[in-house]
Amino acid sequence: MNKIIRFLIIFTTISNLNAQHLYKEKFDNCIIEAFCLDCGTTKAAPPSTINEEIESMLNKSQFQKAVGIIRAQVLIYDSGKACLLSVDNATNVSTKKLGLQKAINNLSNWTPAITKDKKETSSVTLILEFNRGNLQTKRWIFDAKNATNMSSTAVSKVRGTDSSRLPYTWTLYLDLIHPIQFRITLGYDQRHCR
């Protein structure tokens, strides 16, 4: 009996490791075998009419009310078909009421990501900015090769061990929208998130 329970725990853990959702609100209709995050020597490209297509497929009354930003993780299959995988909704209207999943999943085909002349399935992030009937769609590109913010290489202007000269609060930006401030009390290993 213990072997069966251990097997189930290990199997569940391993199967959950394969989940690559970037945001909390997840959608189950995508076929997830293997994909990479915004990869390809040629990155996946949206149809030129993406903004108009999304607007035309959203729930009209909810679209007119919507204010805020939705970050959407979209899976682009090697066929060019789009599938909404997960979102971070910071608007005043629910994703379901907006009909965002239907809008994204029914977009015209994208140009898929290509590496070494081979099409591949990739995940892209769209930033959808809503303002009472107006929509602006942007692409958030993750470029791990050329990113300068992936590691810290800065040299502190404050040198030495005089703790009175060190700042107590630092701001860490996880992205352009969500700063997190840390307060560190020197001499202790306590970190408080605000």
Protein backbone atom coordinates (compact mmCIF):
# COMPACT_ATOMS: atom_id res chain seq x y z
CA MET A 1 0.00 0.00 0.00
CA ASN A 2 2.82 2.40 0.88
CA LYS A 3 4.45 1.73 -2.49
CA ILE A 4 1.27 2.70 -4.30
CA ILE A 5 0.93 5.93 -2.32
CA ARG A 6 4.60 6.81 -2.95
CA PHE A 7 4.18 6.08 -6.66
CA LEU A 8 1.11 8.33 -6.85
CA ILE A 9 2.88 11.16 -5.02
CA ILE A 10 5.94 10.91 -7.28
CA PHE A 11 3.81 10.62 -10.43
CA THR A 12 1.72 13.66 -9.44
CA THR A 13 4.84 15.68 -8.66
CA ILE A 14 6.51 14.80 -11.97
CA SER A 15 3.39 15.51 -14.01
CA ASN A 16 3.01 18.91 -12.32
CA LEU A 17 6.61 19.80 -13.19
CA ASN A 18 5.61 19.79 -16.85
CA ALA A 19 3.01 22.54 -16.31
CA GLN A 20 4.44 25.80 -17.57
CA HIS A 21 1.74 28.33 -16.81
CA LEU A 22 3.09 31.81 -16.17
CA TYR A 23 -0.04 33.21 -14.53
CA LYS A 24 -2.54 32.09 -11.89
CA GLU A 25 -5.70 31.96 -14.00
CA LYS A 26 -5.23 28.85 -16.15
CA PHE A 27 -7.16 27.42 -19.10
CA ASP A 28 -7.35 23.69 -19.74
CA ASN A 29 -8.19 23.48 -23.43
CA CYS A 30 -4.63 23.68 -24.82
CA ILE A 31 -2.75 20.56 -25.86
CA ILE A 32 0.49 20.87 -23.91
CA GLU A 33 3.15 18.46 -25.03
CA ALA A 34 6.31 20.51 -25.19
CA PHE A 35 6.87 24.18 -25.89
CA CYS A 36 9.45 26.84 -25.23
CA LEU A 37 9.08 30.34 -23.81
CA ASP A 38 9.22 32.90 -26.62
CA CYS A 39 11.86 30.93 -28.48
CA GLY A 40 13.04 30.64 -32.04
CA THR A 41 15.65 32.38 -34.13
CA THR A 42 12.52 33.68 -35.86
CA LYS A 43 9.97 34.40 -33.12
CA ALA A 44 6.27 33.69 -33.50
CA ALA A 45 4.52 36.65 -35.15
CA PRO A 46 0.84 37.61 -34.72
CA PRO A 47 -1.53 38.32 -37.58
CA SER A 48 -1.42 42.00 -38.58
CA THR A 49 -5.11 42.34 -37.62
CA ILE A 50 -4.72 40.95 -34.09
CA ASN A 51 -6.12 44.00 -32.29
CA GLU A 52 -9.21 44.22 -34.51
CA GLU A 53 -9.79 40.46 -34.33
CA ILE A 54 -9.67 40.39 -30.51
CA GLU A 55 -11.98 43.43 -30.25
CA SER A 56 -14.54 41.91 -32.64
CA MET A 57 -14.77 38.65 -30.68
CA LEU A 58 -15.00 40.06 -27.13
CA ASN A 59 -18.31 40.42 -25.30
CA LYS A 60 -19.30 43.95 -26.42
CA SER A 61 -21.01 45.15 -23.21
CA GLN A 62 -18.14 43.91 -21.00
CA PHE A 63 -15.53 45.32 -23.39
CA GLN A 64 -17.15 48.78 -23.08
CA LYS A 65 -16.80 48.57 -19.25
CA ALA A 66 -13.28 47.09 -19.10
CA VAL A 67 -10.44 49.17 -17.68
CA GLY A 68 -7.00 47.79 -16.86
CA ILE A 69 -4.42 45.34 -18.11
CA ILE A 70 -4.48 41.63 -18.87
CA ARG A 71 -1.24 39.75 -19.38
CA ALA A 72 -2.02 36.68 -21.48
CA GLN A 73 0.22 33.68 -22.03
CA VAL A 74 -0.67 32.30 -25.45
CA LEU A 75 0.55 29.01 -26.84
CA ILE A 76 1.37 29.23 -30.56
CA TYR A 77 1.45 25.77 -32.09
CA ASP A 78 3.85 24.94 -34.92
CA SER A 79 0.76 25.11 -37.17
CA GLY A 80 0.24 28.79 -36.22
CA LYS A 81 -2.92 28.15 -34.19
CA ALA A 82 -3.20 30.16 -30.94
CA CYS A 83 -4.46 28.81 -27.61
CA LEU A 84 -4.91 30.85 -24.40
CA LEU A 85 -2.89 29.12 -21.68
CA SER A 86 -2.99 31.48 -18.66
CA VAL A 87 -3.69 35.12 -17.72
CA ASP A 88 -3.06 37.71 -15.06
CA ASN A 89 -6.21 39.85 -15.11
CA ALA A 90 -5.85 43.30 -13.54
CA THR A 91 -9.08 44.72 -15.02
CA ASN A 92 -12.49 45.38 -13.53
CA VAL A 93 -14.11 42.61 -15.65
CA SER A 94 -13.57 38.86 -15.37
CA THR A 95 -11.75 37.07 -18.17
CA LYS A 96 -14.73 34.76 -18.64
CA LYS A 97 -17.24 37.64 -18.97
CA LEU A 98 -14.98 39.34 -21.53
CA GLY A 99 -14.86 36.16 -23.60
CA LEU A 100 -11.08 36.44 -23.91
CA GLN A 101 -10.46 32.71 -24.28
CA LYS A 102 -12.77 32.50 -27.30
CA ALA A 103 -11.23 35.64 -28.82
CA ILE A 104 -7.63 34.40 -28.50
CA ASN A 105 -8.38 30.83 -29.56
CA ASN A 106 -10.18 32.01 -32.72
CA LEU A 107 -7.48 34.39 -33.97
CA SER A 108 -6.17 33.99 -37.51
CA ASN A 109 -3.06 31.86 -37.67
CA TRP A 110 0.19 33.28 -36.40
CA THR A 111 3.53 32.73 -38.09
CA PRO A 112 5.06 30.11 -35.76
CA ALA A 113 8.50 30.29 -34.18
CA ILE A 114 11.27 28.80 -36.31
CA THR A 115 14.66 27.41 -35.25
CA LYS A 116 17.05 25.81 -37.74
CA ASP A 117 14.36 25.83 -40.45
CA LYS A 118 11.99 23.87 -38.20
CA LYS A 119 8.67 25.25 -36.92
CA GLU A 120 8.19 24.88 -33.18
CA THR A 121 5.48 25.41 -30.59
CA SER A 122 6.18 28.40 -28.38
CA SER A 123 4.57 30.45 -25.66
CA VAL A 124 4.21 34.21 -26.11
CA THR A 125 2.91 36.90 -23.78
CA LEU A 126 0.48 39.59 -24.88
CA ILE A 127 -0.26 42.71 -22.86
CA LEU A 128 -3.87 43.78 -23.44
CA GLU A 129 -4.65 47.31 -22.23
CA PHE A 130 -8.38 48.00 -21.89
CA ASN A 131 -9.89 51.46 -21.53
CA ARG A 132 -13.69 51.53 -21.91
CA GLY A 133 -14.07 50.23 -25.45
CA ASN A 134 -10.49 50.84 -26.53
CA LEU A 135 -7.93 48.06 -26.74
CA GLN A 136 -4.21 48.26 -27.23
CA THR A 137 -2.36 44.98 -27.75
CA LYS A 138 1.37 44.72 -27.13
CA ARG A 139 3.81 41.84 -27.27
CA TRP A 140 6.04 41.21 -24.28
CA ILE A 141 9.21 39.56 -25.57
CA PHE A 142 11.32 37.38 -23.30
CA ASP A 143 14.86 37.38 -24.64
CA ALA A 144 17.07 35.39 -22.27
CA LYS A 145 20.11 35.62 -24.58
CA ASN A 146 20.26 39.40 -24.73
CA ALA A 147 18.61 40.29 -21.42
CA THR A 148 20.66 42.48 -19.17
CA ASN A 149 18.29 42.23 -16.24
CA MET A 150 18.70 38.47 -15.75
CA SER A 151 21.62 38.99 -13.38
CA SER A 152 23.06 41.82 -11.38
CA THR A 153 26.41 43.13 -12.52
CA ALA A 154 26.26 46.56 -10.92
CA VAL A 155 28.85 47.75 -8.43
CA SER A 156 27.59 49.45 -5.31
CA LYS A 157 28.61 53.08 -4.80
CA VAL A 158 28.64 52.45 -1.04
CA ARG A 159 31.72 50.54 0.08
CA GLY A 160 32.85 49.31 3.46
CA THR A 161 31.07 47.88 6.45
CA ASP A 162 29.42 50.99 7.90
CA SER A 163 25.79 49.84 8.07
CA SER A 164 24.52 53.40 8.63
CA ARG A 165 25.47 54.25 5.03
CA LEU A 166 23.54 51.35 3.48
CA PRO A 167 19.95 51.74 2.25
CA TYR A 168 17.28 49.81 4.14
CA THR A 169 14.70 49.52 1.39
CA TRP A 170 15.18 48.17 -2.12
CA THR A 171 12.65 47.96 -4.91
CA LEU A 172 12.65 44.90 -7.11
CA TYR A 173 10.71 45.07 -10.37
CA LEU A 174 9.39 41.67 -11.42
CA ASP A 175 8.05 43.34 -14.55
CA LEU A 176 7.16 46.85 -15.66
CA ILE A 177 3.91 46.85 -13.71
CA HIS A 178 4.49 45.14 -10.35
CA PRO A 179 7.24 46.52 -8.09
CA ILE A 180 7.96 44.74 -4.82
CA GLN A 181 9.74 46.52 -2.00
CA PHE A 182 11.96 44.66 0.44
CA ARG A 183 13.01 46.05 3.78
CA ILE A 184 16.07 44.40 5.21
CA THR A 185 17.14 45.03 8.78
CA LEU A 186 20.90 44.75 8.88
CA GLY A 187 22.28 42.36 11.45
CA TYR A 188 19.25 40.08 11.15
CA ASP A 189 18.06 37.75 8.42
CA GLN A 190 14.54 39.18 8.30
CA ARG A 191 12.90 40.23 5.08
CA HIS A 192 9.52 41.86 4.99
CA CYS A 193 7.55 42.23 1.80
CA ARG A 194 5.39 45.34 1.47
